């Protein structure tokens, strides 16, 4: 079975098994969810389930012949609660749990909309962190696109990276309503779809073309 025939993306391990990374409600799961997922993992002989930095659950050693079977059972169990963005979308605990979250700035609806926007574009691997306060517990300041809430609206950063080309994201806009945020995100994704080269990440695109080029094309400045 070739990797391209798999239902969803996977990661090949050195022993020939695969990791399936599951984004179930952006990582905020119930105890029953964990039991269901554990039963699926045990059924297919998975011996390790890892929590990732993107708040996914990774089934670490799925046999090649079982990959699509596992995806099918996971899809059946969790349905619309599974998300498959182009890249990664990370959310902080937000208003449901955190005492610092800005009132009225729930990041769950924002996260779902970001997933939808990402799927409309071929902008490469873009990691997004969405935080409901400026403490940025979703690592918004080191993501390709960082979003965080202030009392007067959403702020947006671009070009962060926590990998080999480490960089802090640069401020793009602030005091945005939800609709203004979504409109800006459409432009940002379109910019990187139009301007990236190969598998280039946002930090390298901005370094190659310059932040002024980005602002001119996205913000009209």
N, C-alpha and C. Protein backbone atom coordinates (compact mmCIF):
# COMPACT_ATOMS: atom_id res chain seq x y z
N UNK A 1 0.85 -1.20 0.00
CA UNK A 1 0.00 0.00 0.00
C UNK A 1 0.88 1.24 0.00
N UNK A 2 0.66 2.15 -0.94
CA UNK A 2 1.43 3.37 -0.99
C UNK A 2 0.79 4.41 -0.08
N UNK A 3 1.63 5.32 0.42
CA UNK A 3 1.14 6.32 1.36
C UNK A 3 0.02 7.15 0.77
N UNK A 4 0.07 7.42 -0.54
CA UNK A 4 -0.93 8.27 -1.16
C UNK A 4 -2.31 7.64 -1.18
N UNK A 5 -2.39 6.33 -0.91
CA UNK A 5 -3.68 5.65 -0.91
C UNK A 5 -4.35 5.68 0.46
N UNK A 6 -3.69 6.27 1.45
CA UNK A 6 -4.28 6.34 2.78
C UNK A 6 -5.41 7.37 2.80
N UNK A 7 -6.39 7.11 3.67
CA UNK A 7 -7.57 7.99 3.76
C UNK A 7 -7.18 9.40 4.16
N UNK A 8 -6.30 9.53 5.15
CA UNK A 8 -5.83 10.83 5.62
C UNK A 8 -4.31 10.75 5.81
N UNK A 9 -3.71 11.87 6.15
CA UNK A 9 -2.27 11.93 6.29
C UNK A 9 -1.74 11.05 7.42
N UNK A 10 -0.55 10.52 7.22
CA UNK A 10 0.10 9.66 8.21
C UNK A 10 1.58 10.00 8.24
N UNK A 11 2.26 9.49 9.27
CA UNK A 11 3.71 9.65 9.38
C UNK A 11 4.35 8.28 9.43
N UNK A 12 5.28 8.01 8.52
CA UNK A 12 5.96 6.72 8.47
C UNK A 12 7.07 6.66 9.51
N UNK A 13 7.10 5.58 10.29
CA UNK A 13 8.15 5.38 11.28
C UNK A 13 9.23 4.44 10.72
N UNK A 14 10.36 4.41 11.41
CA UNK A 14 11.51 3.65 10.92
C UNK A 14 11.26 2.14 10.90
N UNK A 15 10.28 1.67 11.69
CA UNK A 15 10.00 0.23 11.71
C UNK A 15 8.93 -0.17 10.70
N UNK A 16 8.48 0.79 9.88
CA UNK A 16 7.48 0.49 8.86
C UNK A 16 6.05 0.69 9.31
N UNK A 17 5.84 1.02 10.59
CA UNK A 17 4.49 1.34 11.06
C UNK A 17 4.22 2.82 10.85
N UNK A 18 2.98 3.22 11.10
CA UNK A 18 2.58 4.60 10.85
C UNK A 18 1.95 5.23 12.09
N UNK A 19 2.12 6.55 12.19
CA UNK A 19 1.43 7.32 13.22
C UNK A 19 0.24 8.04 12.59
N UNK A 20 -0.90 7.94 13.25
CA UNK A 20 -2.10 8.66 12.83
C UNK A 20 -2.37 9.74 13.87
N UNK A 21 -2.33 11.00 13.46
CA UNK A 21 -2.53 12.10 14.39
C UNK A 21 -3.97 12.59 14.29
N UNK A 22 -4.67 12.51 15.41
CA UNK A 22 -6.11 12.78 15.44
C UNK A 22 -6.40 14.11 16.11
N UNK A 23 -7.02 15.00 15.38
CA UNK A 23 -7.48 16.28 15.94
C UNK A 23 -8.96 16.13 16.25
N UNK A 24 -9.26 15.80 17.50
CA UNK A 24 -10.64 15.62 17.94
C UNK A 24 -11.02 16.81 18.81
N UNK A 25 -11.89 17.66 18.30
CA UNK A 25 -12.31 18.87 19.03
C UNK A 25 -11.12 19.67 19.53
N UNK A 26 -10.08 19.77 18.69
CA UNK A 26 -8.88 20.54 19.02
C UNK A 26 -8.23 20.08 20.32
N UNK A 27 -8.42 18.80 20.66
CA UNK A 27 -7.76 18.23 21.82
C UNK A 27 -8.56 18.24 23.10
N UNK A 28 -9.76 18.82 23.07
CA UNK A 28 -10.57 18.90 24.29
C UNK A 28 -11.62 17.79 24.25
N UNK A 29 -11.27 16.67 24.90
CA UNK A 29 -12.03 15.44 24.80
C UNK A 29 -12.62 15.05 26.15
N UNK A 30 -13.67 14.25 26.10
CA UNK A 30 -14.29 13.75 27.32
C UNK A 30 -13.62 12.44 27.74
N UNK A 31 -13.81 12.00 28.99
CA UNK A 31 -13.29 10.69 29.39
C UNK A 31 -13.81 9.57 28.50
N UNK A 32 -15.09 9.65 28.09
CA UNK A 32 -15.63 8.62 27.21
C UNK A 32 -14.93 8.61 25.85
N UNK A 33 -14.55 9.81 25.37
CA UNK A 33 -13.80 9.89 24.11
C UNK A 33 -12.49 9.11 24.23
N UNK A 34 -11.80 9.30 25.34
CA UNK A 34 -10.52 8.63 25.53
C UNK A 34 -10.69 7.11 25.62
N UNK A 35 -11.78 6.68 26.25
CA UNK A 35 -12.06 5.24 26.33
C UNK A 35 -12.32 4.68 24.94
N UNK A 36 -13.15 5.38 24.15
CA UNK A 36 -13.45 4.94 22.79
C UNK A 36 -12.19 4.84 21.95
N UNK A 37 -11.36 5.87 22.04
CA UNK A 37 -10.13 5.88 21.26
C UNK A 37 -9.19 4.77 21.72
N UNK A 38 -9.14 4.53 23.03
CA UNK A 38 -8.31 3.46 23.55
C UNK A 38 -8.76 2.09 23.08
N UNK A 39 -10.07 1.90 22.98
CA UNK A 39 -10.59 0.61 22.50
C UNK A 39 -10.23 0.38 21.04
N UNK A 40 -10.30 1.44 20.23
CA UNK A 40 -9.90 1.32 18.83
C UNK A 40 -8.41 0.98 18.74
N UNK A 41 -7.61 1.68 19.53
CA UNK A 41 -6.16 1.44 19.51
C UNK A 41 -5.84 0.00 19.91
N UNK A 42 -6.46 -0.49 20.95
CA UNK A 42 -6.20 -1.86 21.41
C UNK A 42 -6.64 -2.89 20.38
N UNK A 43 -7.75 -2.62 19.70
CA UNK A 43 -8.25 -3.54 18.68
C UNK A 43 -7.23 -3.78 17.59
N UNK A 44 -6.45 -2.73 17.25
CA UNK A 44 -5.48 -2.85 16.16
C UNK A 44 -4.04 -2.96 16.66
N UNK A 45 -3.88 -3.30 17.93
CA UNK A 45 -2.55 -3.59 18.45
C UNK A 45 -1.66 -2.38 18.64
N UNK A 46 -2.25 -1.19 18.72
CA UNK A 46 -1.45 0.02 18.97
C UNK A 46 -1.00 0.01 20.43
N UNK A 47 0.29 0.17 20.65
CA UNK A 47 0.83 0.07 22.00
C UNK A 47 1.21 1.42 22.61
N UNK A 48 1.11 2.50 21.81
CA UNK A 48 1.48 3.82 22.33
C UNK A 48 0.56 4.88 21.73
N UNK A 49 -0.04 5.69 22.60
CA UNK A 49 -0.85 6.84 22.18
C UNK A 49 -0.20 8.08 22.79
N UNK A 50 0.23 9.00 21.95
CA UNK A 50 0.99 10.15 22.42
C UNK A 50 0.20 11.44 22.24
N UNK A 51 0.24 12.30 23.25
CA UNK A 51 -0.33 13.64 23.13
C UNK A 51 0.71 14.54 22.48
N UNK A 52 0.33 15.25 21.42
CA UNK A 52 1.27 16.07 20.68
C UNK A 52 1.20 17.53 21.13
N UNK A 53 2.18 18.32 20.70
CA UNK A 53 2.18 19.75 21.04
C UNK A 53 1.03 20.48 20.38
N UNK A 54 0.45 19.91 19.32
CA UNK A 54 -0.71 20.51 18.65
C UNK A 54 -2.02 20.03 19.26
N UNK A 55 -1.94 19.38 20.43
CA UNK A 55 -3.11 18.88 21.15
C UNK A 55 -3.87 17.82 20.35
N UNK A 56 -3.12 17.06 19.58
CA UNK A 56 -3.68 15.89 18.91
C UNK A 56 -3.33 14.65 19.73
N UNK A 57 -4.02 13.55 19.43
CA UNK A 57 -3.64 12.25 19.96
C UNK A 57 -3.06 11.45 18.80
N UNK A 58 -1.83 11.02 18.96
CA UNK A 58 -1.15 10.28 17.91
C UNK A 58 -1.14 8.79 18.25
N UNK A 59 -1.77 7.98 17.39
CA UNK A 59 -1.67 6.53 17.51
C UNK A 59 -0.36 6.14 16.84
N UNK A 60 0.62 5.72 17.62
CA UNK A 60 2.01 5.76 17.18
C UNK A 60 2.47 4.62 16.29
N UNK A 61 1.89 3.44 16.42
CA UNK A 61 2.46 2.31 15.67
C UNK A 61 1.36 1.46 15.03
N UNK A 62 0.68 2.06 14.06
CA UNK A 62 -0.38 1.37 13.32
C UNK A 62 0.24 0.64 12.13
N UNK A 63 -0.10 -0.63 11.98
CA UNK A 63 0.42 -1.41 10.85
C UNK A 63 -0.14 -0.85 9.54
N UNK A 64 0.64 -0.96 8.48
CA UNK A 64 0.25 -0.41 7.18
C UNK A 64 -1.11 -0.91 6.72
N UNK A 65 -1.34 -2.21 6.89
CA UNK A 65 -2.60 -2.79 6.42
C UNK A 65 -3.81 -2.36 7.26
N UNK A 66 -3.54 -1.75 8.43
CA UNK A 66 -4.63 -1.33 9.31
C UNK A 66 -4.93 0.17 9.25
N UNK A 67 -4.10 0.93 8.55
CA UNK A 67 -4.23 2.39 8.59
C UNK A 67 -5.63 2.85 8.20
N UNK A 68 -6.11 2.44 7.04
CA UNK A 68 -7.43 2.90 6.60
C UNK A 68 -8.56 2.33 7.45
N UNK A 69 -8.36 1.15 8.01
CA UNK A 69 -9.37 0.58 8.91
C UNK A 69 -9.50 1.42 10.18
N UNK A 70 -8.35 1.85 10.70
CA UNK A 70 -8.38 2.70 11.90
C UNK A 70 -9.03 4.04 11.59
N UNK A 71 -8.64 4.64 10.44
CA UNK A 71 -9.27 5.92 10.07
C UNK A 71 -10.78 5.77 9.96
N UNK A 72 -11.24 4.66 9.39
CA UNK A 72 -12.68 4.46 9.22
C UNK A 72 -13.39 4.38 10.57
N UNK A 73 -12.79 3.68 11.52
CA UNK A 73 -13.42 3.56 12.84
C UNK A 73 -13.39 4.88 13.60
N UNK A 74 -12.30 5.61 13.46
CA UNK A 74 -12.20 6.92 14.11
C UNK A 74 -13.22 7.88 13.51
N UNK A 75 -13.34 7.88 12.18
CA UNK A 75 -14.33 8.74 11.52
C UNK A 75 -15.74 8.40 11.98
N UNK A 76 -16.03 7.11 12.10
CA UNK A 76 -17.37 6.69 12.53
C UNK A 76 -17.63 7.10 13.97
N UNK A 77 -16.61 7.02 14.81
CA UNK A 77 -16.79 7.31 16.24
C UNK A 77 -16.92 8.81 16.52
N UNK A 78 -16.18 9.63 15.77
CA UNK A 78 -16.10 11.05 16.13
C UNK A 78 -16.68 11.99 15.08
N UNK A 79 -16.85 11.54 13.86
CA UNK A 79 -17.55 12.30 12.83
C UNK A 79 -17.08 13.73 12.67
N UNK A 80 -18.02 14.68 12.80
CA UNK A 80 -17.73 16.09 12.56
C UNK A 80 -16.83 16.70 13.63
N UNK A 81 -16.54 15.97 14.67
CA UNK A 81 -15.63 16.48 15.71
C UNK A 81 -14.17 16.29 15.31
N UNK A 82 -13.93 15.61 14.20
CA UNK A 82 -12.57 15.44 13.67
C UNK A 82 -12.27 16.57 12.69
N UNK A 83 -11.07 17.13 12.79
CA UNK A 83 -10.68 18.22 11.89
C UNK A 83 -9.40 17.84 11.16
N UNK A 84 -9.37 18.20 9.87
CA UNK A 84 -8.21 17.90 9.03
C UNK A 84 -7.74 19.17 8.32
N UNK A 85 -7.24 20.15 9.06
CA UNK A 85 -6.78 21.39 8.41
C UNK A 85 -5.52 21.15 7.60
N UNK A 86 -5.25 22.06 6.66
CA UNK A 86 -3.95 22.08 6.00
C UNK A 86 -2.99 22.76 6.97
N UNK A 87 -2.15 21.98 7.61
CA UNK A 87 -1.30 22.52 8.67
C UNK A 87 -1.85 22.11 10.02
N UNK A 88 -1.72 22.98 11.00
CA UNK A 88 -2.20 22.66 12.35
C UNK A 88 -2.89 23.88 12.94
N UNK A 89 -3.91 23.63 13.74
CA UNK A 89 -4.63 24.70 14.44
C UNK A 89 -4.65 24.34 15.92
N UNK A 90 -4.06 25.20 16.75
CA UNK A 90 -3.94 24.95 18.18
C UNK A 90 -4.74 26.01 18.94
N UNK A 91 -5.54 25.55 19.90
CA UNK A 91 -6.36 26.45 20.70
C UNK A 91 -5.96 26.36 22.17
N UNK A 92 -6.05 27.49 22.87
CA UNK A 92 -5.88 27.48 24.32
C UNK A 92 -7.20 27.03 24.97
N UNK A 93 -7.23 26.80 26.29
CA UNK A 93 -8.47 26.36 26.95
C UNK A 93 -9.63 27.33 26.84
N UNK A 94 -9.36 28.62 26.66
CA UNK A 94 -10.37 29.64 26.37
C UNK A 94 -11.40 29.79 27.48
N UNK A 95 -12.56 30.33 27.11
CA UNK A 95 -13.56 30.74 28.09
C UNK A 95 -14.16 29.60 28.90
N UNK A 96 -14.13 28.40 28.37
CA UNK A 96 -14.71 27.27 29.10
C UNK A 96 -13.98 26.99 30.40
N UNK A 97 -12.67 27.29 30.44
CA UNK A 97 -11.87 26.89 31.59
C UNK A 97 -10.98 27.99 32.17
N UNK A 98 -10.52 28.90 31.34
CA UNK A 98 -9.45 29.80 31.77
C UNK A 98 -9.98 31.13 32.33
N UNK A 99 -9.48 31.50 33.50
CA UNK A 99 -9.93 32.75 34.14
C UNK A 99 -9.36 33.99 33.46
N UNK A 100 -8.34 33.82 32.61
CA UNK A 100 -7.73 34.96 31.93
C UNK A 100 -8.35 35.24 30.56
N UNK A 101 -9.16 34.32 30.05
CA UNK A 101 -9.73 34.49 28.72
C UNK A 101 -10.61 35.73 28.66
N UNK A 102 -10.48 36.46 27.55
CA UNK A 102 -11.27 37.67 27.37
C UNK A 102 -12.74 37.31 27.18
N UNK A 103 -13.61 38.02 27.86
CA UNK A 103 -15.04 37.76 27.74
C UNK A 103 -15.50 37.93 26.30
N UNK A 104 -16.27 36.95 25.83
CA UNK A 104 -16.79 37.03 24.47
C UNK A 104 -15.80 36.67 23.39
N UNK A 105 -14.61 36.19 23.77
CA UNK A 105 -13.57 35.86 22.79
C UNK A 105 -13.30 34.35 22.82
N UNK A 106 -14.35 33.57 22.57
CA UNK A 106 -14.23 32.12 22.53
C UNK A 106 -13.49 31.71 21.26
N UNK A 107 -12.42 30.93 21.39
CA UNK A 107 -11.62 30.60 20.21
C UNK A 107 -12.10 29.34 19.47
N UNK A 108 -13.07 28.61 20.00
CA UNK A 108 -13.55 27.41 19.30
C UNK A 108 -14.16 27.75 17.94
N UNK A 109 -15.13 28.69 17.87
CA UNK A 109 -15.68 29.05 16.56
C UNK A 109 -14.62 29.61 15.62
N UNK A 110 -13.66 30.34 16.17
CA UNK A 110 -12.58 30.89 15.35
C UNK A 110 -11.75 29.74 14.77
N UNK A 111 -11.44 28.75 15.61
CA UNK A 111 -10.66 27.61 15.15
C UNK A 111 -11.34 26.85 14.03
N UNK A 112 -12.65 26.63 14.16
CA UNK A 112 -13.39 25.91 13.12
C UNK A 112 -13.37 26.68 11.81
N UNK A 113 -13.50 28.01 11.90
CA UNK A 113 -13.47 28.83 10.69
C UNK A 113 -12.08 28.80 10.05
N UNK A 114 -11.03 28.81 10.87
CA UNK A 114 -9.67 28.75 10.33
C UNK A 114 -9.45 27.43 9.58
N UNK A 115 -9.96 26.34 10.13
CA UNK A 115 -9.86 25.06 9.42
C UNK A 115 -10.52 25.17 8.05
N UNK A 116 -11.72 25.74 8.00
CA UNK A 116 -12.43 25.89 6.72
C UNK A 116 -11.62 26.74 5.74
N UNK A 117 -11.07 27.83 6.22
CA UNK A 117 -10.28 28.71 5.35
C UNK A 117 -9.04 27.98 4.84
N UNK A 118 -8.38 27.23 5.71
CA UNK A 118 -7.16 26.52 5.32
C UNK A 118 -7.44 25.52 4.20
N UNK A 119 -8.61 24.89 4.25
CA UNK A 119 -8.94 23.87 3.26
C UNK A 119 -9.29 24.46 1.89
N UNK A 120 -9.54 25.75 1.85
CA UNK A 120 -9.85 26.43 0.58
C UNK A 120 -8.59 26.82 -0.17
N UNK A 121 -7.44 26.73 0.49
CA UNK A 121 -6.20 27.25 -0.09
C UNK A 121 -5.11 26.18 -0.10
N UNK A 122 -4.22 26.30 -1.06
CA UNK A 122 -3.04 25.45 -1.14
C UNK A 122 -1.83 26.28 -0.72
N UNK A 123 -1.83 26.65 0.56
CA UNK A 123 -0.81 27.57 1.06
C UNK A 123 0.34 26.87 1.76
N UNK A 124 0.38 25.54 1.68
CA UNK A 124 1.45 24.80 2.32
C UNK A 124 1.17 24.56 3.80
N UNK A 125 2.21 24.19 4.52
CA UNK A 125 2.08 23.86 5.94
C UNK A 125 2.04 25.15 6.75
N UNK A 126 0.87 25.48 7.24
CA UNK A 126 0.71 26.69 8.05
C UNK A 126 0.16 26.28 9.42
N UNK A 127 0.92 26.60 10.45
CA UNK A 127 0.49 26.33 11.81
C UNK A 127 -0.13 27.60 12.39
N UNK A 128 -1.28 27.43 13.04
CA UNK A 128 -2.02 28.56 13.57
C UNK A 128 -2.24 28.36 15.07
N UNK A 129 -1.96 29.39 15.85
CA UNK A 129 -2.23 29.36 17.28
C UNK A 129 -3.26 30.42 17.62
N UNK A 130 -4.35 30.02 18.28
CA UNK A 130 -5.44 30.95 18.59
C UNK A 130 -5.63 31.01 20.10
N UNK A 131 -5.31 32.15 20.68
CA UNK A 131 -5.36 32.34 22.13
C UNK A 131 -6.43 33.36 22.49
N UNK A 132 -7.12 33.11 23.59
CA UNK A 132 -8.20 34.00 24.01
C UNK A 132 -7.75 35.11 24.94
N UNK A 133 -6.44 35.28 25.07
CA UNK A 133 -5.90 36.42 25.82
C UNK A 133 -4.45 36.63 25.37
N UNK A 134 -3.83 37.76 25.72
CA UNK A 134 -2.48 38.04 25.24
C UNK A 134 -1.38 37.19 25.86
N UNK A 135 -1.72 36.30 26.80
CA UNK A 135 -0.71 35.39 27.34
C UNK A 135 -0.30 34.35 26.30
N UNK A 136 -1.13 34.15 25.31
CA UNK A 136 -0.80 33.33 24.13
C UNK A 136 -0.40 31.90 24.49
N UNK A 137 -1.23 31.22 25.27
CA UNK A 137 -0.94 29.84 25.64
C UNK A 137 -1.04 28.87 24.46
N UNK A 138 -1.60 29.33 23.34
CA UNK A 138 -1.61 28.50 22.13
C UNK A 138 -0.36 28.77 21.28
N UNK A 139 0.66 29.36 21.91
CA UNK A 139 1.95 29.62 21.25
C UNK A 139 1.78 30.48 20.00
N UNK A 140 0.87 31.45 20.10
CA UNK A 140 0.52 32.27 18.94
C UNK A 140 1.70 33.06 18.38
N UNK A 141 2.67 33.39 19.23
CA UNK A 141 3.77 34.24 18.78
C UNK A 141 4.88 33.48 18.08
N UNK A 142 4.77 32.14 18.03
CA UNK A 142 5.76 31.35 17.29
C UNK A 142 5.10 30.49 16.22
N UNK A 143 3.90 30.88 15.79
CA UNK A 143 3.20 30.16 14.74
C UNK A 143 3.28 30.92 13.42
N UNK A 144 3.02 30.21 12.33
CA UNK A 144 2.95 30.87 11.02
C UNK A 144 1.91 31.99 11.05
N UNK A 145 0.77 31.70 11.66
CA UNK A 145 -0.24 32.72 11.91
C UNK A 145 -0.62 32.65 13.38
N UNK A 146 -0.46 33.76 14.08
CA UNK A 146 -0.83 33.83 15.48
C UNK A 146 -2.02 34.75 15.65
N UNK A 147 -2.98 34.31 16.44
CA UNK A 147 -4.19 35.10 16.71
C UNK A 147 -4.38 35.13 18.22
N UNK A 148 -4.59 36.32 18.78
CA UNK A 148 -4.89 36.38 20.20
C UNK A 148 -5.88 37.51 20.48
N UNK A 149 -6.62 37.35 21.57
CA UNK A 149 -7.69 38.29 21.90
C UNK A 149 -7.20 39.38 22.83
N UNK A 150 -7.70 40.57 22.59
CA UNK A 150 -7.57 41.71 23.49
C UNK A 150 -8.98 42.21 23.79
N UNK A 151 -9.15 43.06 24.80
CA UNK A 151 -10.50 43.53 25.11
C UNK A 151 -11.21 44.20 23.94
N UNK A 152 -10.42 44.81 23.03
CA UNK A 152 -11.02 45.54 21.91
C UNK A 152 -10.98 44.79 20.59
N UNK A 153 -10.72 43.48 20.63
CA UNK A 153 -10.76 42.70 19.39
C UNK A 153 -9.59 41.74 19.25
N UNK A 154 -9.50 41.14 18.07
CA UNK A 154 -8.46 40.14 17.79
C UNK A 154 -7.22 40.80 17.20
N UNK A 155 -6.06 40.31 17.60
CA UNK A 155 -4.78 40.72 17.02
C UNK A 155 -4.22 39.57 16.20
N UNK A 156 -3.51 39.90 15.11
CA UNK A 156 -2.97 38.89 14.21
C UNK A 156 -1.47 39.10 14.02
N UNK A 157 -0.72 38.00 14.08
CA UNK A 157 0.72 37.99 13.84
C UNK A 157 1.00 37.01 12.71
N UNK A 158 2.12 37.20 12.01
CA UNK A 158 2.46 36.33 10.88
C UNK A 158 3.97 36.05 10.88
N UNK A 159 4.33 34.82 10.48
CA UNK A 159 5.73 34.50 10.22
C UNK A 159 6.50 33.92 11.37
N UNK A 160 5.83 33.43 12.40
CA UNK A 160 6.54 32.80 13.50
C UNK A 160 6.96 31.38 13.17
N UNK A 161 7.97 30.90 13.89
CA UNK A 161 8.45 29.54 13.66
C UNK A 161 9.21 29.07 14.90
N UNK A 162 8.94 27.84 15.32
CA UNK A 162 9.62 27.29 16.50
C UNK A 162 10.58 26.18 16.11
N UNK A 163 10.87 26.04 14.81
CA UNK A 163 11.74 24.96 14.34
C UNK A 163 13.14 25.43 14.03
N UNK A 164 13.70 24.89 12.95
CA UNK A 164 15.08 25.19 12.59
C UNK A 164 15.31 26.62 12.17
N UNK A 165 14.25 27.29 11.72
CA UNK A 165 14.34 28.71 11.37
C UNK A 165 13.53 29.53 12.37
N UNK A 166 13.92 29.42 13.63
CA UNK A 166 13.14 30.02 14.72
C UNK A 166 12.96 31.52 14.51
N UNK A 167 11.72 31.98 14.75
CA UNK A 167 11.43 33.40 14.59
C UNK A 167 10.16 33.75 15.35
N UNK A 168 10.13 34.97 15.86
CA UNK A 168 8.90 35.49 16.46
C UNK A 168 8.01 36.04 15.35
N UNK A 169 6.72 35.79 15.46
CA UNK A 169 5.79 36.31 14.47
C UNK A 169 5.71 37.83 14.57
N UNK A 170 5.44 38.46 13.43
CA UNK A 170 5.39 39.92 13.36
C UNK A 170 3.94 40.41 13.37
N UNK A 171 3.67 41.52 14.07
CA UNK A 171 2.31 42.05 14.12
C UNK A 171 1.81 42.48 12.75
N UNK A 172 0.54 42.16 12.49
CA UNK A 172 -0.09 42.51 11.21
C UNK A 172 -1.28 43.44 11.42
N UNK A 173 -2.15 43.09 12.37
CA UNK A 173 -3.35 43.89 12.58
C UNK A 173 -3.86 43.68 14.00
N UNK A 174 -4.69 44.59 14.46
CA UNK A 174 -5.27 44.48 15.80
C UNK A 174 -6.67 45.08 15.80
N UNK A 175 -7.37 44.89 16.91
CA UNK A 175 -8.72 45.43 17.11
C UNK A 175 -9.69 44.94 16.04
N UNK A 176 -9.57 43.68 15.65
CA UNK A 176 -10.41 43.12 14.59
C UNK A 176 -11.66 42.46 15.17
N UNK A 177 -12.78 42.65 14.50
CA UNK A 177 -13.98 41.87 14.80
C UNK A 177 -13.80 40.47 14.21
N UNK A 178 -14.71 39.56 14.53
CA UNK A 178 -14.63 38.21 13.96
C UNK A 178 -14.63 38.27 12.43
N UNK A 179 -15.54 39.02 11.86
CA UNK A 179 -15.64 39.09 10.39
C UNK A 179 -14.40 39.72 9.77
N UNK A 180 -13.86 40.74 10.41
CA UNK A 180 -12.63 41.37 9.90
C UNK A 180 -11.46 40.39 9.99
N UNK A 181 -11.43 39.61 11.05
CA UNK A 181 -10.39 38.59 11.21
C UNK A 181 -10.47 37.57 10.08
N UNK A 182 -11.65 37.07 9.80
CA UNK A 182 -11.80 36.05 8.77
C UNK A 182 -11.42 36.59 7.39
N UNK A 183 -11.80 37.83 7.11
CA UNK A 183 -11.45 38.44 5.82
C UNK A 183 -9.93 38.57 5.68
N UNK A 184 -9.26 38.95 6.76
CA UNK A 184 -7.81 39.08 6.72
C UNK A 184 -7.15 37.72 6.55
N UNK A 185 -7.66 36.70 7.23
CA UNK A 185 -7.08 35.37 7.11
C UNK A 185 -7.19 34.84 5.68
N UNK A 186 -8.29 35.12 5.02
CA UNK A 186 -8.43 34.72 3.61
C UNK A 186 -7.31 35.33 2.78
N UNK A 187 -7.01 36.60 3.01
CA UNK A 187 -5.96 37.28 2.26
C UNK A 187 -4.58 36.71 2.60
N UNK A 188 -4.36 36.39 3.87
CA UNK A 188 -3.06 35.84 4.28
C UNK A 188 -2.83 34.48 3.64
N UNK A 189 -3.82 33.62 3.70
CA UNK A 189 -3.67 32.30 3.08
C UNK A 189 -3.45 32.43 1.58
N UNK A 190 -4.19 33.35 0.95
CA UNK A 190 -4.03 33.53 -0.49
C UNK A 190 -2.64 34.05 -0.82
N UNK A 191 -2.10 34.92 0.01
CA UNK A 191 -0.76 35.46 -0.22
C UNK A 191 0.27 34.34 -0.24
N UNK A 192 0.22 33.46 0.75
CA UNK A 192 1.22 32.39 0.81
C UNK A 192 0.96 31.32 -0.25
N UNK A 193 -0.29 31.15 -0.65
CA UNK A 193 -0.56 30.26 -1.77
C UNK A 193 0.07 30.80 -3.05
N UNK A 194 0.01 32.10 -3.24
CA UNK A 194 0.53 32.72 -4.46
C UNK A 194 2.05 32.86 -4.46
N UNK A 195 2.66 32.97 -3.28
CA UNK A 195 4.07 33.39 -3.22
C UNK A 195 5.06 32.37 -2.67
N UNK A 196 4.60 31.31 -2.03
CA UNK A 196 5.55 30.36 -1.48
C UNK A 196 6.21 29.56 -2.61
N UNK A 197 7.41 29.07 -2.34
CA UNK A 197 8.13 28.23 -3.28
C UNK A 197 8.29 26.84 -2.68
N UNK A 198 7.76 25.83 -3.38
CA UNK A 198 7.86 24.46 -2.89
C UNK A 198 7.21 24.30 -1.52
N UNK A 199 7.96 23.71 -0.59
CA UNK A 199 7.45 23.49 0.77
C UNK A 199 7.87 24.60 1.73
N UNK A 200 8.21 25.73 1.19
CA UNK A 200 8.68 26.87 1.97
C UNK A 200 7.65 27.27 3.04
N UNK A 201 8.14 27.46 4.27
CA UNK A 201 7.27 27.94 5.35
C UNK A 201 7.18 29.46 5.32
N UNK A 202 6.23 30.00 6.05
CA UNK A 202 5.96 31.44 5.98
C UNK A 202 7.18 32.28 6.36
N UNK A 203 7.94 31.84 7.36
CA UNK A 203 9.09 32.63 7.80
C UNK A 203 10.10 32.80 6.67
N UNK A 204 10.27 31.77 5.84
CA UNK A 204 11.22 31.85 4.73
C UNK A 204 10.66 32.65 3.56
N UNK A 205 9.36 32.55 3.33
CA UNK A 205 8.75 33.37 2.29
C UNK A 205 8.89 34.85 2.62
N UNK A 206 8.63 35.20 3.88
CA UNK A 206 8.75 36.59 4.29
C UNK A 206 10.20 37.07 4.26
N UNK A 207 11.12 36.18 4.58
CA UNK A 207 12.53 36.54 4.54
C UNK A 207 12.98 36.78 3.09
N UNK A 208 12.46 35.96 2.18
CA UNK A 208 12.85 36.07 0.77
C UNK A 208 12.24 37.31 0.11
N UNK A 209 10.97 37.60 0.39
CA UNK A 209 10.28 38.69 -0.29
C UNK A 209 10.24 39.98 0.52
N UNK A 210 10.41 39.86 1.83
CA UNK A 210 10.36 41.04 2.68
C UNK A 210 8.97 41.27 3.25
N UNK A 211 8.93 41.77 4.48
CA UNK A 211 7.65 42.00 5.14
C UNK A 211 6.87 43.13 4.47
N UNK A 212 7.58 44.08 3.88
CA UNK A 212 6.90 45.17 3.17
C UNK A 212 6.11 44.64 1.98
N UNK A 213 6.65 43.62 1.30
CA UNK A 213 5.93 43.00 0.18
C UNK A 213 4.64 42.36 0.67
N UNK A 214 4.73 41.69 1.82
CA UNK A 214 3.54 41.08 2.42
C UNK A 214 2.49 42.15 2.75
N UNK A 215 2.91 43.21 3.43
CA UNK A 215 1.96 44.25 3.84
C UNK A 215 1.32 44.94 2.63
N UNK A 216 2.10 45.15 1.58
CA UNK A 216 1.56 45.80 0.38
C UNK A 216 0.48 44.94 -0.26
N UNK A 217 0.72 43.62 -0.32
CA UNK A 217 -0.21 42.73 -1.01
C UNK A 217 -1.40 42.33 -0.15
N UNK A 218 -1.21 42.28 1.16
CA UNK A 218 -2.29 41.84 2.05
C UNK A 218 -3.05 43.01 2.66
N UNK A 219 -2.31 44.04 3.06
CA UNK A 219 -2.93 45.17 3.75
C UNK A 219 -3.08 46.40 2.86
N UNK A 220 -2.44 46.36 1.69
CA UNK A 220 -2.51 47.51 0.80
C UNK A 220 -1.67 48.68 1.27
N UNK A 221 -0.67 48.40 2.11
CA UNK A 221 0.18 49.48 2.64
C UNK A 221 1.41 49.70 1.75
